[in-house]
């Protein structure tokens, strides 16, 4: 009898530990928000919260807040109807890029309307608080001023004490130096092309001696027929050449595929900055069309795995039920 009780106690203890372990293991499901949030950009603020900004709504730029990258709360917009940028009459605000520069939050944005590829451009706004409100500081340049058709999709990066803006959409990816405050193009700076005309939605990560250029290729906005795909190349220099594993150049539209669509999700592209959690795991946001609920472009989260100096996503497709980041 005592032996039976002991065995039962041990089994109960083991089962309890096992069940507890399952309960403690955090998971999430894609998409991580029911809202349509194309072209996400994310930042970890000084208060310990993450803030995410996206294209929709195209009028005022939504702001979302999270403690864990998984659970997001819509807390407002960067602009109001009275404060939104206006240098492109009738234009929408697309593809924001959030940064912290010299003690303030700096939001670069595209302003465009469909078909206005020579009048669209990139502007900048600032705030002392990641929750806004943001004050528009005006345009940096328009397509017809900088000589680059469809000048949208800004991305800011600092390198060797200098500040740069990368941008471009299917007419080449370009870069130019900014002033020390990041609010205007440095006088006399010359643009330089760093990738070919197959790409848009630039994001760059420096890691272990390499610069990784993440871009999107294909169609972004055709619903379940969208072919958007997230791709990557790497370089030892910020301005390239960015190469794939075979040594072919992104200037010739050669790359490695990071994330493509599958039976559930279409149009997997326009990724955010990469975030590292407390365990050193790296995470990337992007948008996709959910075939089970195809209205809008939903916010997606995937873990980036690093092997032999190259990033990948398991199966090169979005996970549906996934092991969550920890902070």
Protein backbone atom coordinates (compact mmCIF):
# COMPACT_ATOMS: atom_id res chain seq x y z
CA UNK A 1 0.00 0.00 0.00
CA UNK A 2 2.82 2.41 0.92
CA UNK A 3 4.57 1.59 -2.35
CA UNK A 4 1.40 2.37 -4.33
CA UNK A 5 0.99 5.68 -2.53
CA UNK A 6 4.63 6.56 -3.20
CA UNK A 7 4.29 5.72 -6.89
CA UNK A 8 1.07 7.76 -7.13
CA UNK A 9 2.74 10.71 -5.38
CA UNK A 10 5.74 10.60 -7.71
CA UNK A 11 3.52 10.35 -10.77
CA UNK A 12 1.40 13.27 -9.56
CA UNK A 13 4.48 15.33 -8.87
CA UNK A 14 5.97 14.54 -12.29
CA UNK A 15 2.66 15.24 -14.04
CA UNK A 16 2.28 18.51 -12.17
CA UNK A 17 5.75 19.63 -13.20
CA UNK A 18 5.09 18.62 -16.81
CA UNK A 19 1.77 20.44 -16.96
CA UNK A 20 3.26 23.47 -15.26
CA UNK A 21 6.07 23.49 -17.81
CA UNK A 22 3.55 23.53 -20.65
CA UNK A 23 1.67 26.37 -19.04
CA UNK A 24 4.85 28.41 -18.56
CA UNK A 25 5.99 28.07 -22.16
CA UNK A 26 4.64 31.18 -23.90
CA UNK A 27 3.31 31.04 -27.42
CA UNK A 28 1.64 33.47 -29.79
CA UNK A 29 -0.30 33.18 -33.01
CA UNK A 30 0.05 35.10 -36.27
CA UNK A 31 -1.20 37.62 -37.09
CA UNK A 32 -0.47 39.37 -33.79
CA UNK A 33 -3.11 42.05 -34.33
CA UNK A 34 -6.55 42.06 -35.89
CA UNK A 35 -5.87 45.57 -37.26
CA UNK A 36 -4.53 46.28 -40.72
CA UNK A 37 -0.97 47.52 -40.04
CA UNK A 38 1.13 47.59 -43.21
CA UNK A 39 4.79 48.68 -43.27
CA UNK A 40 5.49 48.39 -39.53
CA UNK A 41 8.33 50.17 -37.73
CA UNK A 42 9.11 49.55 -34.06
CA UNK A 43 11.24 51.03 -31.28
CA UNK A 44 12.00 50.20 -27.65
CA UNK A 45 11.43 53.42 -25.74
CA UNK A 46 13.17 54.58 -22.58
CA UNK A 47 10.11 53.64 -20.49
CA UNK A 48 10.57 49.94 -21.34
CA UNK A 49 7.65 49.68 -23.76
CA UNK A 50 7.75 48.97 -27.47
CA UNK A 51 5.99 51.36 -29.83
CA UNK A 52 4.91 50.40 -33.33
CA UNK A 53 3.85 52.74 -36.15
CA UNK A 54 2.35 51.69 -39.47
CA UNK A 55 0.86 52.95 -42.71
CA UNK A 56 -2.85 52.68 -41.85
CA UNK A 57 -4.68 54.75 -41.45
CA UNK A 58 -2.95 56.74 -44.22
CA UNK A 59 -4.26 59.98 -42.77
CA UNK A 60 -2.65 60.17 -39.34
CA UNK A 61 -0.34 57.14 -38.68
CA UNK A 62 -1.44 54.78 -35.86
CA UNK A 63 0.67 54.23 -32.73
CA UNK A 64 0.52 50.94 -30.82
CA UNK A 65 2.14 50.01 -27.49
CA UNK A 66 3.37 46.65 -26.16
CA UNK A 67 5.47 45.17 -23.37
CA UNK A 68 6.24 41.91 -25.16
CA UNK A 69 5.97 42.37 -28.98
CA UNK A 70 2.89 40.11 -28.98
CA UNK A 71 0.08 41.99 -27.24
CA UNK A 72 -0.52 45.41 -28.80
CA UNK A 73 -2.76 48.28 -27.72
CA UNK A 74 -3.76 51.05 -30.11
CA UNK A 75 -3.09 54.25 -28.15
CA UNK A 76 -3.51 57.00 -30.75
CA UNK A 77 -2.06 58.51 -33.89
CA UNK A 78 1.09 60.46 -34.64
CA UNK A 79 -0.89 63.25 -36.30
CA UNK A 80 -4.37 64.70 -36.25
CA UNK A 81 -6.33 66.15 -39.11
CA UNK A 82 -4.96 69.55 -38.19
CA UNK A 83 -1.30 68.56 -37.64
CA UNK A 84 -0.73 66.02 -40.41
CA UNK A 85 1.86 66.81 -43.11
CA UNK A 86 0.58 68.53 -46.22
CA UNK A 87 3.42 68.97 -48.72
CA UNK A 88 1.75 66.49 -51.09
CA UNK A 89 -1.86 67.73 -51.50
CA UNK A 90 -4.24 64.83 -51.11
CA UNK A 91 -1.39 62.47 -50.25
CA UNK A 92 -1.44 59.66 -47.73
CA UNK A 93 1.21 59.04 -45.09
CA UNK A 94 2.98 55.77 -45.90
CA UNK A 95 5.75 53.58 -44.52
CA UNK A 96 6.92 55.44 -41.38
CA UNK A 97 10.33 54.86 -39.79
CA UNK A 98 10.76 55.62 -36.06
CA UNK A 99 14.09 56.52 -34.42
CA UNK A 100 15.53 58.14 -31.31
CA UNK A 101 17.97 60.88 -32.29
CA UNK A 102 19.61 63.44 -30.04
CA UNK A 103 17.08 63.07 -27.24
CA UNK A 104 13.88 63.09 -29.29
CA UNK A 105 11.75 60.67 -31.27
CA UNK A 106 12.14 61.25 -34.99
CA UNK A 107 9.57 59.82 -37.37
CA UNK A 108 10.42 59.76 -41.07
CA UNK A 109 7.45 59.21 -43.36
CA UNK A 110 6.52 58.95 -47.01
CA UNK A 111 3.84 61.22 -48.42
CA UNK A 112 2.33 60.07 -51.66
CA UNK A 113 -0.78 59.33 -53.63
CA UNK A 114 -1.18 56.52 -56.13
CA UNK A 115 0.35 57.49 -59.45
CA UNK A 116 2.22 60.50 -58.10
CA UNK A 117 5.68 58.99 -58.42
CA UNK A 118 7.40 62.28 -59.28
CA UNK A 119 5.66 64.46 -56.70
CA UNK A 120 5.76 62.09 -53.70
CA UNK A 121 8.51 62.49 -51.16
CA UNK A 122 9.86 61.94 -47.67
CA UNK A 123 9.31 64.15 -44.63
CA UNK A 124 10.17 64.12 -40.94
CA UNK A 125 8.37 64.79 -37.67
CA UNK A 126 9.53 64.91 -34.04
CA UNK A 127 8.22 64.37 -30.53
CA UNK A 128 9.56 64.24 -26.99
CA UNK A 129 7.26 61.27 -26.33
CA UNK A 130 6.92 58.05 -28.36
CA UNK A 131 3.16 58.32 -27.82
CA UNK A 132 3.14 61.71 -29.54
CA UNK A 133 1.91 64.16 -30.48
CA UNK A 134 4.40 64.55 -33.33
CA UNK A 135 5.24 67.93 -34.83
CA UNK A 136 5.79 67.91 -38.55
CA UNK A 137 9.14 69.40 -39.61
CA UNK A 138 8.33 69.29 -43.31
CA UNK A 139 9.71 67.46 -46.30
CA UNK A 140 13.30 66.36 -46.78
CA UNK A 141 12.85 66.05 -50.54
CA UNK A 142 10.44 65.09 -53.30
CA UNK A 143 11.11 62.70 -56.17
CA UNK A 144 11.46 65.50 -58.71
CA UNK A 145 13.88 67.34 -56.44
CA UNK A 146 16.20 64.41 -55.66
CA UNK A 147 15.95 62.79 -59.11
CA UNK A 148 14.67 59.41 -57.89
CA UNK A 149 11.27 58.27 -59.09
CA UNK A 150 8.86 57.09 -56.36
CA UNK A 151 10.91 58.39 -53.42
CA UNK A 152 9.16 56.62 -50.54
CA UNK A 153 9.98 54.05 -47.82
CA UNK A 154 12.59 55.85 -45.69
CA UNK A 155 15.02 54.08 -43.36
CA UNK A 156 17.43 55.89 -41.02
CA UNK A 157 20.77 54.54 -39.83
CA UNK A 158 23.84 55.89 -38.06
CA UNK A 159 27.29 54.66 -39.05
CA UNK A 160 30.74 55.84 -37.99
CA UNK A 161 29.33 58.98 -36.44
CA UNK A 162 27.31 59.97 -39.49
CA UNK A 163 23.58 59.86 -40.15
CA UNK A 164 22.07 58.49 -43.36
CA UNK A 165 18.68 58.01 -44.94
CA UNK A 166 18.01 55.07 -47.27
CA UNK A 167 14.90 54.99 -49.45
CA UNK A 168 13.44 53.83 -52.75
CA UNK A 169 10.64 51.88 -54.36
CA UNK A 170 11.22 49.82 -57.52
CA UNK A 171 13.47 52.45 -59.10
CA UNK A 172 16.59 51.63 -57.10
CA UNK A 173 17.49 51.80 -53.42
CA UNK A 174 19.41 54.99 -52.61
CA UNK A 175 21.19 56.58 -49.64
CA UNK A 176 22.15 60.12 -48.70
CA UNK A 177 23.81 61.76 -45.69
CA UNK A 178 21.73 63.83 -43.27
CA UNK A 179 22.62 66.72 -40.99
CA UNK A 180 23.64 66.01 -37.40
CA UNK A 181 20.10 66.52 -36.13
CA UNK A 182 18.71 64.13 -38.76
CA UNK A 183 16.13 66.68 -39.86
CA UNK A 184 17.46 67.64 -43.28
CA UNK A 185 19.80 66.52 -46.04
CA UNK A 186 23.39 67.58 -45.43
CA UNK A 187 24.25 70.46 -47.80
CA UNK A 188 26.32 69.18 -50.70
CA UNK A 189 25.55 65.51 -49.98
CA UNK A 190 25.27 63.29 -53.04
CA UNK A 191 22.87 60.39 -53.29
CA UNK A 192 24.29 56.97 -54.09
CA UNK A 193 22.53 53.85 -55.34
CA UNK A 194 23.06 50.67 -53.33
CA UNK A 195 20.59 48.16 -54.83
CA UNK A 196 18.62 47.51 -58.00
CA UNK A 197 15.09 48.27 -59.13
CA UNK A 198 13.42 45.08 -57.81
CA UNK A 199 13.15 46.38 -54.26
CA UNK A 200 11.43 48.65 -51.78
CA UNK A 201 10.93 48.80 -48.01
CA UNK A 202 14.58 49.02 -46.94
CA UNK A 203 15.86 48.06 -43.49
CA UNK A 204 19.52 47.56 -42.56
CA UNK A 205 21.06 45.70 -39.62
CA UNK A 206 24.74 45.68 -38.63
CA UNK A 207 25.72 42.40 -36.97
CA UNK A 208 29.07 40.66 -36.44
CA UNK A 209 30.94 42.68 -39.05
CA UNK A 210 28.30 42.60 -41.79
CA UNK A 211 25.56 44.96 -42.90
CA UNK A 212 22.35 43.11 -43.82
CA UNK A 213 20.06 44.82 -46.32
CA UNK A 214 16.47 43.61 -45.95
CA UNK A 215 14.04 44.63 -48.71
CA UNK A 216 10.78 43.53 -50.26
CA UNK A 217 10.17 42.48 -53.83
CA UNK A 218 6.99 41.62 -55.72
CA UNK A 219 3.50 43.13 -55.44
CA UNK A 220 2.41 44.50 -52.07
CA UNK A 221 -1.20 45.42 -52.53
CA UNK A 222 -3.22 42.91 -54.55
CA UNK A 223 -4.90 41.14 -51.67
CA UNK A 224 -4.54 37.37 -51.73
CA UNK A 225 -2.79 37.69 -55.12
CA UNK A 226 0.03 39.73 -53.60
CA UNK A 227 3.49 38.29 -54.26
CA UNK A 228 5.42 40.42 -51.76
CA UNK A 229 8.49 38.57 -50.48
CA UNK A 230 11.09 39.65 -47.91
CA UNK A 231 14.66 39.24 -49.16
CA UNK A 232 18.17 39.95 -47.87
CA UNK A 233 21.78 40.41 -48.90
CA UNK A 234 24.89 41.31 -46.92
CA UNK A 235 27.96 43.50 -47.27
CA UNK A 236 31.06 44.50 -45.34
CA UNK A 237 30.28 48.13 -46.26
CA UNK A 238 27.13 50.15 -45.54
CA UNK A 239 26.86 51.19 -49.18
CA UNK A 240 27.48 47.74 -50.60
CA UNK A 241 27.88 45.80 -52.67
CA UNK A 242 25.21 43.67 -51.02
CA UNK A 243 25.58 40.05 -52.11
CA UNK A 244 23.70 36.78 -51.83
CA UNK A 245 25.31 33.50 -50.80
CA UNK A 246 26.56 32.95 -54.36
CA UNK A 247 28.28 36.33 -54.43
CA UNK A 248 25.70 37.84 -56.79
CA UNK A 249 24.80 41.49 -56.22
CA UNK A 250 21.55 43.09 -55.18
CA UNK A 251 22.50 45.80 -57.68
CA UNK A 252 21.64 43.10 -60.23
CA UNK A 253 18.48 42.16 -58.27
CA UNK A 254 20.03 39.00 -56.79
CA UNK A 255 19.27 38.13 -53.17
CA UNK A 256 18.38 35.48 -50.60
CA UNK A 257 14.70 34.88 -49.79
CA UNK A 258 13.87 35.34 -46.12
CA UNK A 259 10.06 35.05 -45.98
CA UNK A 260 7.57 34.16 -48.70
CA UNK A 261 3.89 33.36 -48.69
CA UNK A 262 2.21 30.00 -48.12
CA UNK A 263 -1.28 28.47 -48.10
CA UNK A 264 -2.40 30.73 -45.23
CA UNK A 265 -0.57 34.02 -45.83
CA UNK A 266 0.16 36.05 -48.97
CA UNK A 267 2.25 39.17 -49.56
CA UNK A 268 4.79 38.73 -46.75
CA UNK A 269 6.84 41.91 -46.85
CA UNK A 270 7.96 45.38 -45.77
CA UNK A 271 9.73 44.32 -42.61
CA UNK A 272 10.55 46.36 -39.52
CA UNK A 273 13.75 46.79 -37.60
CA UNK A 274 15.02 43.64 -35.88
CA UNK A 275 14.49 43.40 -32.10
CA UNK A 276 16.56 41.24 -29.72
CA UNK A 277 14.88 39.73 -26.63
CA UNK A 278 16.48 38.96 -23.25
CA UNK A 279 17.60 35.52 -24.43
CA UNK A 280 19.38 36.89 -27.49
CA UNK A 281 16.69 35.70 -29.92
CA UNK A 282 15.95 38.11 -32.77
CA UNK A 283 12.52 39.09 -34.09
CA UNK A 284 11.14 40.81 -37.15
CA UNK A 285 7.76 42.33 -37.97
CA UNK A 286 6.24 42.52 -41.46
CA UNK A 287 2.78 42.47 -42.96
CA UNK A 288 0.81 39.84 -44.85
CA UNK A 289 -2.67 39.13 -46.17
CA UNK A 290 -4.44 36.41 -44.21
CA UNK A 291 -6.35 34.25 -46.68
CA UNK A 292 -8.82 33.27 -43.93
CA UNK A 293 -9.66 36.94 -43.35
CA UNK A 294 -8.24 38.85 -46.32
CA UNK A 295 -9.33 42.34 -45.37
CA UNK A 296 -6.25 44.54 -44.92
CA UNK A 297 -2.60 43.67 -44.37
CA UNK A 298 -2.06 42.16 -40.95
CA UNK A 299 0.85 42.50 -38.53
CA UNK A 300 3.12 39.43 -38.48
CA UNK A 301 6.00 38.46 -36.18
CA UNK A 302 8.71 35.90 -36.91
CA UNK A 303 11.91 34.80 -35.24
CA UNK A 304 15.12 35.31 -37.19
CA UNK A 305 17.56 32.38 -36.92
CA UNK A 306 21.26 33.03 -37.61
CA UNK A 307 23.46 30.33 -39.13
CA UNK A 308 26.87 30.77 -40.72
CA UNK A 309 26.37 34.53 -40.78
CA UNK A 310 23.03 34.45 -42.59
CA UNK A 311 19.50 35.15 -41.33
CA UNK A 312 16.61 32.81 -41.99
CA UNK A 313 13.05 32.11 -40.89
CA UNK A 314 11.97 28.51 -40.27
CA UNK A 315 10.69 27.13 -43.57
CA UNK A 316 10.95 30.64 -45.05
CA UNK A 317 7.25 31.10 -44.23
CA UNK A 318 5.28 32.65 -41.35
CA UNK A 319 4.64 30.47 -38.34
CA UNK A 320 1.05 30.22 -37.13
CA UNK A 321 1.52 29.07 -33.52
CA UNK A 322 4.96 30.19 -32.44
CA UNK A 323 7.31 30.28 -29.44
CA UNK A 324 7.12 33.81 -28.05
CA UNK A 325 9.89 36.31 -27.28
CA UNK A 326 10.78 36.97 -23.64
CA UNK A 327 11.56 40.31 -21.99
